[in-house]
Amino acid sequence: MEACAPVLLARGKPCKNLKEAAENFRALLSFEEIFGNRNPVELEVGCGNGGFIAELAVREKGTNFIAVELCTNVLLTAMERVMREGIPNIRFLNIPAEILPCYLPPASVRRIYLNFSTPLPEPSRERQRLTSERFLAIYDAVLTEGGEIIQKTDSGYFFDYSLERYRAHGFTVKDVTRDLHKSAYAEGNIVTEYEANFLAQGKPIFRAVAVKE
């Protein structure tokens, strides 16, 4: 972790509990100072081992990327790759997604990626789903006007739930497909590690874009 300090912006909970942090703590990042430019910023929530965000950052050198991951061991793999390959336009947050507004300025992110988030189908865990109203309010706060959420999942249940929540929150839903790899949206798609596993099992990949109006 010490060796990866140049790409790690924050780690852990800044206060005793998430509620206290979300309400009272602010250490807003200056993307211009961090990246040395005014390029647009995009965010991946739950970046895992960083394969998706690393490939995207190499493809889109004129965009800056923030990758969030709670699991430190997994995030370490992602950071080590970025350090090893010298990818300059990615930084990491090792924090719970609930406190993103503690660090990300309002209306500062133009796109959010949700790749294969855990579906959590149990009713008692709805608040923990990354497309629940709780998290959509957070995304709404940090997205620019016209900003997008791009979601991929292998869970039909979670997909339908997410589409419903997007619309209920006031997002416009577009580019919906229930089988990404047989659709027009397959071109340019970056296949994640989870995605490759699901495809090998013959599972369809669901994809949609939600736009902040």
N, C-alpha and C. Protein backbone atom coordinates (compact mmCIF):
# COMPACT_ATOMS: atom_id res chain seq x y z
N MET A 1 0.83 -1.20 0.00
CA MET A 1 0.00 0.00 0.00
C MET A 1 0.87 1.26 0.00
N GLU A 2 1.96 1.22 0.74
CA GLU A 2 2.86 2.38 0.77
C GLU A 2 3.47 2.63 -0.59
N ALA A 3 3.83 1.58 -1.28
CA ALA A 3 4.42 1.74 -2.61
C ALA A 3 3.44 2.31 -3.61
N CYS A 4 2.14 2.10 -3.37
CA CYS A 4 1.10 2.58 -4.28
C CYS A 4 0.52 3.93 -3.86
N ALA A 5 1.10 4.55 -2.86
CA ALA A 5 0.60 5.83 -2.34
C ALA A 5 0.41 6.90 -3.42
N PRO A 6 1.25 6.96 -4.46
CA PRO A 6 1.06 8.00 -5.47
C PRO A 6 -0.28 7.94 -6.21
N VAL A 7 -0.93 6.77 -6.22
CA VAL A 7 -2.21 6.66 -6.94
C VAL A 7 -3.39 6.48 -6.00
N LEU A 8 -3.15 6.46 -4.70
CA LEU A 8 -4.23 6.26 -3.72
C LEU A 8 -4.59 7.59 -3.08
N LEU A 9 -5.85 8.02 -3.26
CA LEU A 9 -6.29 9.33 -2.78
C LEU A 9 -6.83 9.30 -1.36
N ALA A 10 -7.46 8.22 -0.96
CA ALA A 10 -8.04 8.13 0.38
C ALA A 10 -8.30 6.67 0.71
N ARG A 11 -8.27 6.39 2.02
CA ARG A 11 -8.47 5.01 2.46
C ARG A 11 -9.25 4.98 3.76
N GLY A 12 -10.23 4.07 3.85
CA GLY A 12 -10.95 3.83 5.09
C GLY A 12 -12.04 4.85 5.38
N LYS A 13 -12.58 4.77 6.59
CA LYS A 13 -13.62 5.69 7.05
C LYS A 13 -12.96 6.85 7.79
N PRO A 14 -13.28 8.09 7.43
CA PRO A 14 -12.66 9.22 8.10
C PRO A 14 -13.28 9.52 9.47
N CYS A 15 -14.46 8.94 9.75
CA CYS A 15 -15.15 9.14 11.02
C CYS A 15 -15.54 7.78 11.61
N LYS A 16 -16.11 7.78 12.79
CA LYS A 16 -16.43 6.54 13.49
C LYS A 16 -17.43 5.68 12.73
N ASN A 17 -18.38 6.31 12.07
CA ASN A 17 -19.37 5.55 11.31
C ASN A 17 -19.69 6.25 10.00
N LEU A 18 -20.32 5.51 9.09
CA LEU A 18 -20.59 6.04 7.76
C LEU A 18 -21.55 7.22 7.79
N LYS A 19 -22.54 7.16 8.64
CA LYS A 19 -23.53 8.24 8.70
C LYS A 19 -22.85 9.55 9.12
N GLU A 20 -22.01 9.47 10.12
CA GLU A 20 -21.29 10.66 10.57
C GLU A 20 -20.39 11.22 9.47
N ALA A 21 -19.70 10.32 8.79
CA ALA A 21 -18.82 10.75 7.70
C ALA A 21 -19.62 11.41 6.58
N ALA A 22 -20.69 10.74 6.16
CA ALA A 22 -21.49 11.25 5.04
C ALA A 22 -22.07 12.62 5.34
N GLU A 23 -22.41 12.87 6.59
CA GLU A 23 -23.06 14.13 6.94
C GLU A 23 -22.08 15.25 7.27
N ASN A 24 -20.93 14.90 7.85
CA ASN A 24 -20.07 15.93 8.43
C ASN A 24 -18.68 16.07 7.83
N PHE A 25 -18.17 15.01 7.19
CA PHE A 25 -16.79 15.06 6.73
C PHE A 25 -16.71 15.49 5.27
N ARG A 26 -15.83 16.43 4.96
CA ARG A 26 -15.59 16.82 3.58
C ARG A 26 -14.10 17.06 3.36
N ALA A 27 -13.55 16.39 2.36
CA ALA A 27 -12.18 16.60 1.94
C ALA A 27 -12.19 16.54 0.41
N LEU A 28 -12.88 17.51 -0.19
CA LEU A 28 -13.16 17.47 -1.62
C LEU A 28 -11.87 17.54 -2.44
N LEU A 29 -11.80 16.66 -3.41
CA LEU A 29 -10.62 16.55 -4.25
C LEU A 29 -10.61 17.62 -5.33
N SER A 30 -9.43 18.09 -5.66
CA SER A 30 -9.25 18.96 -6.81
C SER A 30 -8.67 18.12 -7.94
N PHE A 31 -9.50 17.78 -8.90
CA PHE A 31 -9.04 16.92 -9.99
C PHE A 31 -7.95 17.61 -10.81
N GLU A 32 -8.05 18.93 -10.94
CA GLU A 32 -7.04 19.66 -11.71
C GLU A 32 -5.67 19.52 -11.04
N GLU A 33 -5.63 19.60 -9.71
CA GLU A 33 -4.37 19.44 -9.00
C GLU A 33 -3.87 18.00 -9.05
N ILE A 34 -4.78 17.05 -8.93
CA ILE A 34 -4.40 15.64 -8.91
C ILE A 34 -3.84 15.18 -10.26
N PHE A 35 -4.53 15.55 -11.34
CA PHE A 35 -4.15 15.05 -12.66
C PHE A 35 -3.33 16.06 -13.47
N GLY A 36 -3.30 17.30 -13.01
CA GLY A 36 -2.54 18.32 -13.74
C GLY A 36 -3.20 18.78 -15.02
N ASN A 37 -4.51 18.59 -15.13
CA ASN A 37 -5.24 19.03 -16.32
C ASN A 37 -6.71 19.20 -15.97
N ARG A 38 -7.49 19.65 -16.93
CA ARG A 38 -8.92 19.86 -16.73
C ARG A 38 -9.75 18.88 -17.54
N ASN A 39 -9.20 17.72 -17.80
CA ASN A 39 -9.92 16.70 -18.57
C ASN A 39 -11.15 16.22 -17.80
N PRO A 40 -12.19 15.76 -18.51
CA PRO A 40 -13.37 15.23 -17.83
C PRO A 40 -13.03 14.02 -16.96
N VAL A 41 -13.86 13.80 -15.95
CA VAL A 41 -13.61 12.75 -14.96
C VAL A 41 -14.72 11.70 -15.03
N GLU A 42 -14.33 10.43 -15.00
CA GLU A 42 -15.28 9.33 -14.94
C GLU A 42 -14.95 8.44 -13.75
N LEU A 43 -15.95 7.71 -13.28
CA LEU A 43 -15.85 6.97 -12.02
C LEU A 43 -16.31 5.53 -12.20
N GLU A 44 -15.54 4.58 -11.67
CA GLU A 44 -16.02 3.21 -11.57
C GLU A 44 -16.24 2.86 -10.10
N VAL A 45 -17.44 2.42 -9.77
CA VAL A 45 -17.77 2.02 -8.41
C VAL A 45 -17.66 0.51 -8.31
N GLY A 46 -16.71 0.03 -7.52
CA GLY A 46 -16.44 -1.40 -7.43
C GLY A 46 -15.53 -1.86 -8.55
N CYS A 47 -14.29 -1.38 -8.54
CA CYS A 47 -13.40 -1.63 -9.68
C CYS A 47 -12.73 -2.99 -9.63
N GLY A 48 -12.84 -3.71 -8.50
CA GLY A 48 -12.22 -5.02 -8.41
C GLY A 48 -10.71 -4.96 -8.65
N ASN A 49 -10.21 -5.86 -9.48
CA ASN A 49 -8.76 -5.90 -9.73
C ASN A 49 -8.29 -4.90 -10.77
N GLY A 50 -9.22 -4.05 -11.25
CA GLY A 50 -8.83 -2.93 -12.09
C GLY A 50 -8.68 -3.19 -13.56
N GLY A 51 -9.02 -4.39 -14.02
CA GLY A 51 -8.85 -4.71 -15.43
C GLY A 51 -9.63 -3.79 -16.35
N PHE A 52 -10.89 -3.53 -16.01
CA PHE A 52 -11.74 -2.68 -16.85
C PHE A 52 -11.21 -1.25 -16.90
N ILE A 53 -10.99 -0.66 -15.72
CA ILE A 53 -10.62 0.75 -15.67
C ILE A 53 -9.24 0.98 -16.28
N ALA A 54 -8.33 0.02 -16.13
CA ALA A 54 -7.01 0.17 -16.72
C ALA A 54 -7.08 0.18 -18.25
N GLU A 55 -7.85 -0.73 -18.81
CA GLU A 55 -7.97 -0.77 -20.27
C GLU A 55 -8.67 0.48 -20.78
N LEU A 56 -9.71 0.92 -20.05
CA LEU A 56 -10.44 2.12 -20.47
C LEU A 56 -9.53 3.35 -20.44
N ALA A 57 -8.72 3.46 -19.40
CA ALA A 57 -7.84 4.62 -19.27
C ALA A 57 -6.79 4.66 -20.37
N VAL A 58 -6.32 3.50 -20.80
CA VAL A 58 -5.36 3.44 -21.90
C VAL A 58 -6.03 3.84 -23.21
N ARG A 59 -7.27 3.43 -23.38
CA ARG A 59 -8.02 3.78 -24.59
C ARG A 59 -8.33 5.27 -24.64
N GLU A 60 -8.70 5.83 -23.49
CA GLU A 60 -9.18 7.21 -23.44
C GLU A 60 -8.21 8.07 -22.63
N LYS A 61 -7.13 8.43 -23.25
CA LYS A 61 -6.07 9.16 -22.55
C LYS A 61 -6.48 10.59 -22.21
N GLY A 62 -7.51 11.10 -22.86
CA GLY A 62 -7.99 12.46 -22.59
C GLY A 62 -9.04 12.52 -21.50
N THR A 63 -9.23 11.44 -20.79
CA THR A 63 -10.18 11.38 -19.69
C THR A 63 -9.46 10.94 -18.42
N ASN A 64 -9.85 11.50 -17.29
CA ASN A 64 -9.32 11.09 -15.99
C ASN A 64 -10.29 10.13 -15.32
N PHE A 65 -9.77 9.16 -14.56
CA PHE A 65 -10.62 8.14 -13.97
C PHE A 65 -10.35 8.01 -12.47
N ILE A 66 -11.45 7.89 -11.72
CA ILE A 66 -11.41 7.56 -10.31
C ILE A 66 -12.02 6.18 -10.15
N ALA A 67 -11.31 5.28 -9.48
CA ALA A 67 -11.79 3.91 -9.26
C ALA A 67 -11.97 3.69 -7.77
N VAL A 68 -13.14 3.19 -7.39
CA VAL A 68 -13.48 2.97 -5.98
C VAL A 68 -13.59 1.47 -5.71
N GLU A 69 -12.97 1.04 -4.64
CA GLU A 69 -13.06 -0.37 -4.24
C GLU A 69 -12.86 -0.45 -2.73
N LEU A 70 -13.77 -1.17 -2.07
CA LEU A 70 -13.71 -1.28 -0.62
C LEU A 70 -12.72 -2.34 -0.15
N CYS A 71 -12.59 -3.42 -0.91
CA CYS A 71 -11.70 -4.53 -0.51
C CYS A 71 -10.24 -4.16 -0.80
N THR A 72 -9.47 -3.98 0.25
CA THR A 72 -8.10 -3.49 0.11
C THR A 72 -7.22 -4.46 -0.68
N ASN A 73 -7.31 -5.74 -0.42
CA ASN A 73 -6.46 -6.71 -1.11
C ASN A 73 -6.72 -6.71 -2.61
N VAL A 74 -7.99 -6.60 -2.99
CA VAL A 74 -8.34 -6.56 -4.41
C VAL A 74 -7.83 -5.26 -5.04
N LEU A 75 -8.05 -4.17 -4.33
CA LEU A 75 -7.62 -2.86 -4.84
C LEU A 75 -6.11 -2.81 -5.03
N LEU A 76 -5.37 -3.47 -4.16
CA LEU A 76 -3.92 -3.47 -4.26
C LEU A 76 -3.46 -4.02 -5.60
N THR A 77 -4.13 -5.07 -6.07
CA THR A 77 -3.80 -5.63 -7.39
C THR A 77 -4.00 -4.58 -8.48
N ALA A 78 -5.11 -3.85 -8.39
CA ALA A 78 -5.39 -2.81 -9.38
C ALA A 78 -4.35 -1.70 -9.34
N MET A 79 -4.00 -1.26 -8.16
CA MET A 79 -3.03 -0.17 -8.03
C MET A 79 -1.65 -0.60 -8.49
N GLU A 80 -1.26 -1.81 -8.15
CA GLU A 80 0.05 -2.30 -8.59
C GLU A 80 0.14 -2.35 -10.11
N ARG A 81 -0.95 -2.74 -10.76
CA ARG A 81 -0.95 -2.77 -12.22
C ARG A 81 -0.76 -1.37 -12.79
N VAL A 82 -1.50 -0.41 -12.26
CA VAL A 82 -1.42 0.96 -12.75
C VAL A 82 -0.02 1.53 -12.54
N MET A 83 0.57 1.24 -11.38
CA MET A 83 1.93 1.70 -11.11
C MET A 83 2.93 1.02 -12.05
N ARG A 84 2.76 -0.28 -12.24
CA ARG A 84 3.69 -1.05 -13.07
C ARG A 84 3.64 -0.61 -14.54
N GLU A 85 2.42 -0.34 -15.03
CA GLU A 85 2.25 0.02 -16.44
C GLU A 85 2.35 1.52 -16.68
N GLY A 86 2.46 2.28 -15.61
CA GLY A 86 2.63 3.73 -15.75
C GLY A 86 1.42 4.42 -16.36
N ILE A 87 0.23 3.98 -15.99
CA ILE A 87 -1.00 4.60 -16.51
C ILE A 87 -1.25 5.88 -15.71
N PRO A 88 -1.18 7.06 -16.34
CA PRO A 88 -1.18 8.31 -15.59
C PRO A 88 -2.55 8.86 -15.20
N ASN A 89 -3.61 8.37 -15.80
CA ASN A 89 -4.92 9.01 -15.65
C ASN A 89 -5.91 8.21 -14.82
N ILE A 90 -5.41 7.46 -13.82
CA ILE A 90 -6.26 6.75 -12.87
C ILE A 90 -5.78 7.04 -11.45
N ARG A 91 -6.75 7.29 -10.56
CA ARG A 91 -6.48 7.36 -9.13
C ARG A 91 -7.53 6.51 -8.41
N PHE A 92 -7.22 6.13 -7.17
CA PHE A 92 -8.06 5.17 -6.46
C PHE A 92 -8.55 5.71 -5.12
N LEU A 93 -9.74 5.24 -4.75
CA LEU A 93 -10.32 5.50 -3.43
C LEU A 93 -10.63 4.15 -2.79
N ASN A 94 -10.03 3.87 -1.66
CA ASN A 94 -10.27 2.63 -0.91
C ASN A 94 -11.26 2.96 0.22
N ILE A 95 -12.49 3.25 -0.19
CA ILE A 95 -13.51 3.72 0.74
C ILE A 95 -14.86 3.07 0.43
N PRO A 96 -15.81 3.11 1.37
CA PRO A 96 -17.17 2.69 1.05
C PRO A 96 -17.81 3.69 0.09
N ALA A 97 -18.58 3.20 -0.86
CA ALA A 97 -19.23 4.10 -1.83
C ALA A 97 -20.20 5.06 -1.17
N GLU A 98 -20.67 4.73 0.03
CA GLU A 98 -21.61 5.60 0.74
C GLU A 98 -21.03 6.97 1.04
N ILE A 99 -19.71 7.08 1.09
CA ILE A 99 -19.12 8.37 1.43
C ILE A 99 -18.42 9.03 0.24
N LEU A 100 -18.79 8.68 -0.96
CA LEU A 100 -18.22 9.33 -2.14
C LEU A 100 -18.36 10.85 -2.10
N PRO A 101 -19.52 11.40 -1.67
CA PRO A 101 -19.63 12.86 -1.64
C PRO A 101 -18.68 13.54 -0.66
N CYS A 102 -18.06 12.78 0.23
CA CYS A 102 -17.05 13.35 1.12
C CYS A 102 -15.81 13.77 0.33
N TYR A 103 -15.59 13.15 -0.81
CA TYR A 103 -14.38 13.39 -1.59
C TYR A 103 -14.63 13.96 -2.98
N LEU A 104 -15.74 13.59 -3.61
CA LEU A 104 -16.01 14.03 -4.98
C LEU A 104 -16.85 15.30 -4.96
N PRO A 105 -16.39 16.38 -5.58
CA PRO A 105 -17.17 17.62 -5.60
C PRO A 105 -18.51 17.42 -6.31
N PRO A 106 -19.52 18.20 -5.97
CA PRO A 106 -20.81 18.11 -6.65
C PRO A 106 -20.66 18.35 -8.15
N ALA A 107 -21.43 17.61 -8.94
CA ALA A 107 -21.48 17.79 -10.39
C ALA A 107 -20.09 17.79 -11.03
N SER A 108 -19.25 16.84 -10.64
CA SER A 108 -17.87 16.81 -11.13
C SER A 108 -17.54 15.60 -12.00
N VAL A 109 -18.46 14.63 -12.08
CA VAL A 109 -18.20 13.37 -12.78
C VAL A 109 -19.17 13.23 -13.95
N ARG A 110 -18.66 12.93 -15.13
CA ARG A 110 -19.56 12.87 -16.28
C ARG A 110 -20.11 11.47 -16.55
N ARG A 111 -19.46 10.44 -15.97
CA ARG A 111 -19.93 9.07 -16.24
C ARG A 111 -19.55 8.17 -15.08
N ILE A 112 -20.48 7.27 -14.72
CA ILE A 112 -20.26 6.29 -13.66
C ILE A 112 -20.43 4.90 -14.25
N TYR A 113 -19.52 4.01 -13.96
CA TYR A 113 -19.60 2.62 -14.43
C TYR A 113 -19.92 1.70 -13.25
N LEU A 114 -20.94 0.88 -13.43
CA LEU A 114 -21.31 -0.16 -12.46
C LEU A 114 -21.20 -1.50 -13.18
N ASN A 115 -20.10 -2.18 -12.96
CA ASN A 115 -19.84 -3.45 -13.66
C ASN A 115 -20.03 -4.63 -12.72
N PHE A 116 -21.11 -5.36 -12.93
CA PHE A 116 -21.36 -6.63 -12.23
C PHE A 116 -21.36 -6.45 -10.70
N SER A 117 -22.08 -5.42 -10.28
CA SER A 117 -22.28 -5.22 -8.85
C SER A 117 -23.04 -6.40 -8.26
N THR A 118 -22.79 -6.72 -7.01
CA THR A 118 -23.48 -7.83 -6.36
C THR A 118 -24.98 -7.56 -6.32
N PRO A 119 -25.83 -8.46 -6.81
CA PRO A 119 -27.27 -8.20 -6.91
C PRO A 119 -27.98 -8.05 -5.56
N LEU A 120 -27.55 -8.80 -4.55
CA LEU A 120 -28.17 -8.74 -3.21
C LEU A 120 -29.69 -8.84 -3.31
N PRO A 121 -30.23 -9.97 -3.73
CA PRO A 121 -31.67 -10.08 -3.96
C PRO A 121 -32.53 -10.11 -2.71
N GLU A 122 -31.93 -10.35 -1.54
CA GLU A 122 -32.72 -10.41 -0.31
C GLU A 122 -33.36 -9.05 -0.02
N PRO A 123 -34.69 -9.00 0.22
CA PRO A 123 -35.35 -7.72 0.49
C PRO A 123 -34.70 -6.92 1.61
N SER A 124 -34.18 -7.60 2.61
CA SER A 124 -33.56 -6.91 3.74
C SER A 124 -32.27 -6.18 3.37
N ARG A 125 -31.74 -6.49 2.18
CA ARG A 125 -30.46 -5.88 1.78
C ARG A 125 -30.62 -4.87 0.64
N GLU A 126 -31.85 -4.45 0.39
CA GLU A 126 -32.08 -3.53 -0.73
C GLU A 126 -31.24 -2.26 -0.62
N ARG A 127 -31.13 -1.69 0.57
CA ARG A 127 -30.37 -0.45 0.74
C ARG A 127 -28.91 -0.60 0.36
N GLN A 128 -28.41 -1.82 0.35
CA GLN A 128 -27.01 -2.06 0.01
C GLN A 128 -26.77 -2.21 -1.48
N ARG A 129 -27.85 -2.39 -2.25
CA ARG A 129 -27.68 -2.52 -3.70
C ARG A 129 -27.18 -1.20 -4.27
N LEU A 130 -26.25 -1.28 -5.20
CA LEU A 130 -25.62 -0.07 -5.72
C LEU A 130 -26.51 0.73 -6.66
N THR A 131 -27.73 0.23 -6.92
CA THR A 131 -28.69 1.04 -7.68
C THR A 131 -29.94 1.34 -6.85
N SER A 132 -29.85 1.18 -5.54
CA SER A 132 -30.97 1.56 -4.67
C SER A 132 -31.07 3.08 -4.63
N GLU A 133 -32.19 3.59 -4.14
CA GLU A 133 -32.40 5.04 -4.05
C GLU A 133 -31.28 5.71 -3.26
N ARG A 134 -30.83 5.03 -2.23
CA ARG A 134 -29.74 5.55 -1.40
C ARG A 134 -28.51 5.90 -2.23
N PHE A 135 -28.11 5.00 -3.13
CA PHE A 135 -26.93 5.24 -3.95
C PHE A 135 -27.22 6.13 -5.15
N LEU A 136 -28.43 6.04 -5.70
CA LEU A 136 -28.76 6.91 -6.82
C LEU A 136 -28.71 8.38 -6.41
N ALA A 137 -29.09 8.68 -5.17
CA ALA A 137 -28.99 10.05 -4.68
C ALA A 137 -27.54 10.52 -4.65
N ILE A 138 -26.64 9.61 -4.30
CA ILE A 138 -25.21 9.93 -4.28
C ILE A 138 -24.70 10.18 -5.70
N TYR A 139 -25.05 9.29 -6.63
CA TYR A 139 -24.62 9.46 -8.02
C TYR A 139 -25.18 10.76 -8.60
N ASP A 140 -26.44 11.04 -8.30
CA ASP A 140 -27.08 12.26 -8.78
C ASP A 140 -26.30 13.48 -8.33
N ALA A 141 -25.81 13.45 -7.10
CA ALA A 141 -25.09 14.60 -6.55
C ALA A 141 -23.75 14.83 -7.23
N VAL A 142 -23.05 13.76 -7.60
CA VAL A 142 -21.71 13.94 -8.16
C VAL A 142 -21.69 13.99 -9.69
N LEU A 143 -22.78 13.57 -10.34
CA LEU A 143 -22.83 13.60 -11.80
C LEU A 143 -23.06 15.02 -12.33
N THR A 144 -22.46 15.31 -13.47
CA THR A 144 -22.75 16.54 -14.17
C THR A 144 -24.15 16.46 -14.80
N GLU A 145 -24.69 17.58 -15.20
CA GLU A 145 -25.96 17.57 -15.93
C GLU A 145 -25.75 16.81 -17.24
N GLY A 146 -26.64 15.87 -17.51
CA GLY A 146 -26.47 15.02 -18.68
C GLY A 146 -25.50 13.88 -18.48
N GLY A 147 -24.98 13.74 -17.25
CA GLY A 147 -24.06 12.65 -16.95
C GLY A 147 -24.76 11.31 -17.00
N GLU A 148 -23.96 10.25 -17.12
CA GLU A 148 -24.52 8.92 -17.36
C GLU A 148 -24.05 7.90 -16.33
N ILE A 149 -24.91 6.92 -16.09
CA ILE A 149 -24.53 5.70 -15.39
C ILE A 149 -24.60 4.57 -16.42
N ILE A 150 -23.51 3.84 -16.59
CA ILE A 150 -23.50 2.70 -17.50
C ILE A 150 -23.38 1.44 -16.66
N GLN A 151 -24.38 0.59 -16.76
CA GLN A 151 -24.43 -0.61 -15.93
C GLN A 151 -24.38 -1.87 -16.77
N LYS A 152 -23.60 -2.84 -16.29
CA LYS A 152 -23.61 -4.19 -16.85
C LYS A 152 -23.82 -5.18 -15.70
N THR A 153 -24.61 -6.21 -15.96
CA THR A 153 -24.86 -7.23 -14.95
C THR A 153 -25.25 -8.53 -15.63
N ASP A 154 -25.07 -9.63 -14.91
CA ASP A 154 -25.54 -10.93 -15.41
C ASP A 154 -26.87 -11.31 -14.79
N SER A 155 -27.38 -10.48 -13.86
CA SER A 155 -28.60 -10.79 -13.12
C SER A 155 -29.80 -10.08 -13.72
N GLY A 156 -30.72 -10.86 -14.29
CA GLY A 156 -31.95 -10.27 -14.83
C GLY A 156 -32.77 -9.59 -13.78
N TYR A 157 -32.83 -10.20 -12.59
CA TYR A 157 -33.59 -9.60 -11.49
C TYR A 157 -33.01 -8.24 -11.12
N PHE A 158 -31.71 -8.17 -10.93
CA PHE A 158 -31.06 -6.91 -10.54
C PHE A 158 -31.19 -5.87 -11.65
N PHE A 159 -31.11 -6.32 -12.90
CA PHE A 159 -31.25 -5.41 -14.04
C PHE A 159 -32.62 -4.76 -14.05
N ASP A 160 -33.67 -5.57 -13.92
CA ASP A 160 -35.02 -5.02 -13.92
C ASP A 160 -35.24 -4.08 -12.74
N TYR A 161 -34.73 -4.47 -11.60
CA TYR A 161 -34.81 -3.61 -10.41
C TYR A 161 -34.12 -2.26 -10.68
N SER A 162 -32.94 -2.31 -11.28
CA SER A 162 -32.18 -1.10 -11.54
C SER A 162 -32.90 -0.17 -12.51
N LEU A 163 -33.45 -0.73 -13.58
CA LEU A 163 -34.19 0.10 -14.54
C LEU A 163 -35.35 0.80 -13.86
N GLU A 164 -36.04 0.08 -13.01
CA GLU A 164 -37.17 0.67 -12.27
C GLU A 164 -36.71 1.80 -11.38
N ARG A 165 -35.60 1.59 -10.67
CA ARG A 165 -35.10 2.62 -9.75
C ARG A 165 -34.59 3.84 -10.51
N TYR A 166 -33.90 3.63 -11.63
CA TYR A 166 -33.44 4.77 -12.43
C TYR A 166 -34.61 5.66 -12.82
N ARG A 167 -35.63 5.06 -13.36
CA ARG A 167 -36.79 5.84 -13.83
C ARG A 167 -37.50 6.53 -12.68
N ALA A 168 -37.63 5.83 -11.56
CA ALA A 168 -38.29 6.42 -10.40
C ALA A 168 -37.51 7.62 -9.87
N HIS A 169 -36.20 7.59 -10.04
CA HIS A 169 -35.37 8.70 -9.55
C HIS A 169 -35.35 9.88 -10.52
N GLY A 170 -35.83 9.68 -11.73
CA GLY A 170 -35.86 10.76 -12.71
C GLY A 170 -34.81 10.67 -13.79
N PHE A 171 -34.05 9.58 -13.82
CA PHE A 171 -33.10 9.36 -14.90
C PHE A 171 -33.84 8.91 -16.16
N THR A 172 -33.29 9.24 -17.31
CA THR A 172 -33.78 8.71 -18.57
C THR A 172 -32.97 7.46 -18.91
N VAL A 173 -33.66 6.37 -19.20
CA VAL A 173 -32.98 5.11 -19.49
C VAL A 173 -32.91 4.91 -21.00
N LYS A 174 -31.73 4.54 -21.51
CA LYS A 174 -31.57 4.32 -22.95
C LYS A 174 -30.60 3.16 -23.18
N ASP A 175 -30.45 2.80 -24.44
CA ASP A 175 -29.48 1.78 -24.88
C ASP A 175 -29.60 0.49 -24.07
N VAL A 176 -30.83 0.05 -23.88
CA VAL A 176 -31.09 -1.14 -23.07
C VAL A 176 -30.95 -2.39 -23.93
N THR A 177 -30.19 -3.36 -23.44
CA THR A 177 -30.12 -4.65 -24.11
C THR A 177 -30.07 -5.76 -23.06
N ARG A 178 -30.73 -6.84 -23.36
CA ARG A 178 -30.73 -7.99 -22.47
C ARG A 178 -29.77 -9.08 -22.94
N ASP A 179 -29.00 -8.77 -23.97
CA ASP A 179 -27.96 -9.69 -24.44
C ASP A 179 -26.90 -8.85 -25.14
N LEU A 180 -26.03 -8.27 -24.37
CA LEU A 180 -25.05 -7.30 -24.86
C LEU A 180 -24.25 -7.83 -26.04
N HIS A 181 -23.80 -9.07 -25.95
CA HIS A 181 -22.87 -9.58 -26.95
C HIS A 181 -23.55 -10.00 -28.25
N LYS A 182 -24.87 -9.87 -28.31
CA LYS A 182 -25.60 -10.07 -29.55
C LYS A 182 -26.28 -8.77 -29.98
N SER A 183 -25.80 -7.66 -29.44
CA SER A 183 -26.42 -6.37 -29.73
C SER A 183 -25.44 -5.43 -30.42
N ALA A 184 -25.97 -4.28 -30.84
CA ALA A 184 -25.12 -3.27 -31.48
C ALA A 184 -24.15 -2.64 -30.50
N TYR A 185 -24.39 -2.82 -29.20
CA TYR A 185 -23.55 -2.18 -28.18
C TYR A 185 -22.31 -3.02 -27.85
N ALA A 186 -22.16 -4.15 -28.50
CA ALA A 186 -21.01 -5.02 -28.23
C ALA A 186 -19.71 -4.41 -28.75
N GLU A 187 -19.80 -3.60 -29.81
CA GLU A 187 -18.60 -3.01 -30.39
C GLU A 187 -17.94 -2.07 -29.38
N GLY A 188 -16.69 -2.27 -29.12
CA GLY A 188 -15.95 -1.43 -28.19
C GLY A 188 -16.12 -1.81 -26.73
N ASN A 189 -16.95 -2.81 -26.45
CA ASN A 189 -17.17 -3.22 -25.07
C ASN A 189 -15.90 -3.84 -24.49
N ILE A 190 -15.57 -3.44 -23.27
CA ILE A 190 -14.44 -4.03 -22.55
C ILE A 190 -14.97 -5.17 -21.70
N VAL A 191 -14.49 -6.37 -21.97
CA VAL A 191 -14.96 -7.56 -21.25
C VAL A 191 -14.22 -7.67 -19.92
N THR A 192 -14.95 -7.61 -18.82
CA THR A 192 -14.33 -7.74 -17.50
C THR A 192 -14.08 -9.22 -17.19
N GLU A 193 -13.35 -9.45 -16.11
CA GLU A 193 -13.07 -10.83 -15.69
C GLU A 193 -14.36 -11.58 -15.37
N TYR A 194 -15.25 -10.92 -14.60
CA TYR A 194 -16.54 -11.54 -14.30
C TYR A 194 -17.33 -11.81 -15.57
N GLU A 195 -17.30 -10.85 -16.47
CA GLU A 195 -18.05 -10.97 -17.72
C GLU A 195 -17.58 -12.17 -18.53
N ALA A 196 -16.27 -12.36 -18.61
CA ALA A 196 -15.72 -13.49 -19.35
C ALA A 196 -16.19 -14.82 -18.74
N ASN A 197 -16.23 -14.87 -17.41
CA ASN A 197 -16.70 -16.09 -16.74
C ASN A 197 -18.16 -16.36 -17.03
N PHE A 198 -18.98 -15.32 -16.99
CA PHE A 198 -20.41 -15.50 -17.25
C PHE A 198 -20.65 -15.91 -18.70
N LEU A 199 -19.90 -15.33 -19.62
CA LEU A 199 -20.04 -15.69 -21.03
C LEU A 199 -19.66 -17.14 -21.25
N ALA A 200 -18.63 -17.60 -20.56
CA ALA A 200 -18.20 -19.00 -20.69
C ALA A 200 -19.28 -19.96 -20.19
N GLN A 201 -20.13 -19.47 -19.26
CA GLN A 201 -21.23 -20.27 -18.75
C GLN A 201 -22.49 -20.15 -19.62
N GLY A 202 -22.41 -19.35 -20.69
CA GLY A 202 -23.55 -19.18 -21.58
C GLY A 202 -24.58 -18.18 -21.08
N LYS A 203 -24.22 -17.36 -20.10
CA LYS A 203 -25.17 -16.39 -19.56
C LYS A 203 -25.19 -15.12 -20.42
N PRO A 204 -26.37 -14.54 -20.65
CA PRO A 204 -26.43 -13.25 -21.35
C PRO A 204 -26.00 -12.13 -20.41
N ILE A 205 -25.49 -11.06 -20.99
CA ILE A 205 -25.07 -9.89 -20.22
C ILE A 205 -26.08 -8.77 -20.47
N PHE A 206 -26.59 -8.21 -19.40
CA PHE A 206 -27.56 -7.12 -19.49
C PHE A 206 -26.81 -5.78 -19.39
N ARG A 207 -27.26 -4.81 -20.18
CA ARG A 207 -26.60 -3.50 -20.18
C ARG A 207 -27.62 -2.39 -20.39
N ALA A 208 -27.42 -1.27 -19.73
CA ALA A 208 -28.27 -0.10 -19.92
C ALA A 208 -27.51 1.16 -19.53
N VAL A 209 -28.00 2.28 -20.02
CA VAL A 209 -27.44 3.59 -19.69
C VAL A 209 -28.55 4.43 -19.07
N ALA A 210 -28.26 5.06 -17.93
CA ALA A 210 -29.21 5.97 -17.28
C ALA A 210 -28.62 7.37 -17.32
N VAL A 211 -29.40 8.33 -17.82
CA VAL A 211 -28.92 9.69 -18.04
C VAL A 211 -29.56 10.65 -17.05
N LYS A 212 -28.74 11.46 -16.40
CA LYS A 212 -29.25 12.49 -15.49
C LYS A 212 -29.78 13.66 -16.31
N GLU A 213 -31.06 13.96 -16.16
CA GLU A 213 -31.67 15.06 -16.89
C GLU A 213 -31.70 16.32 -16.02
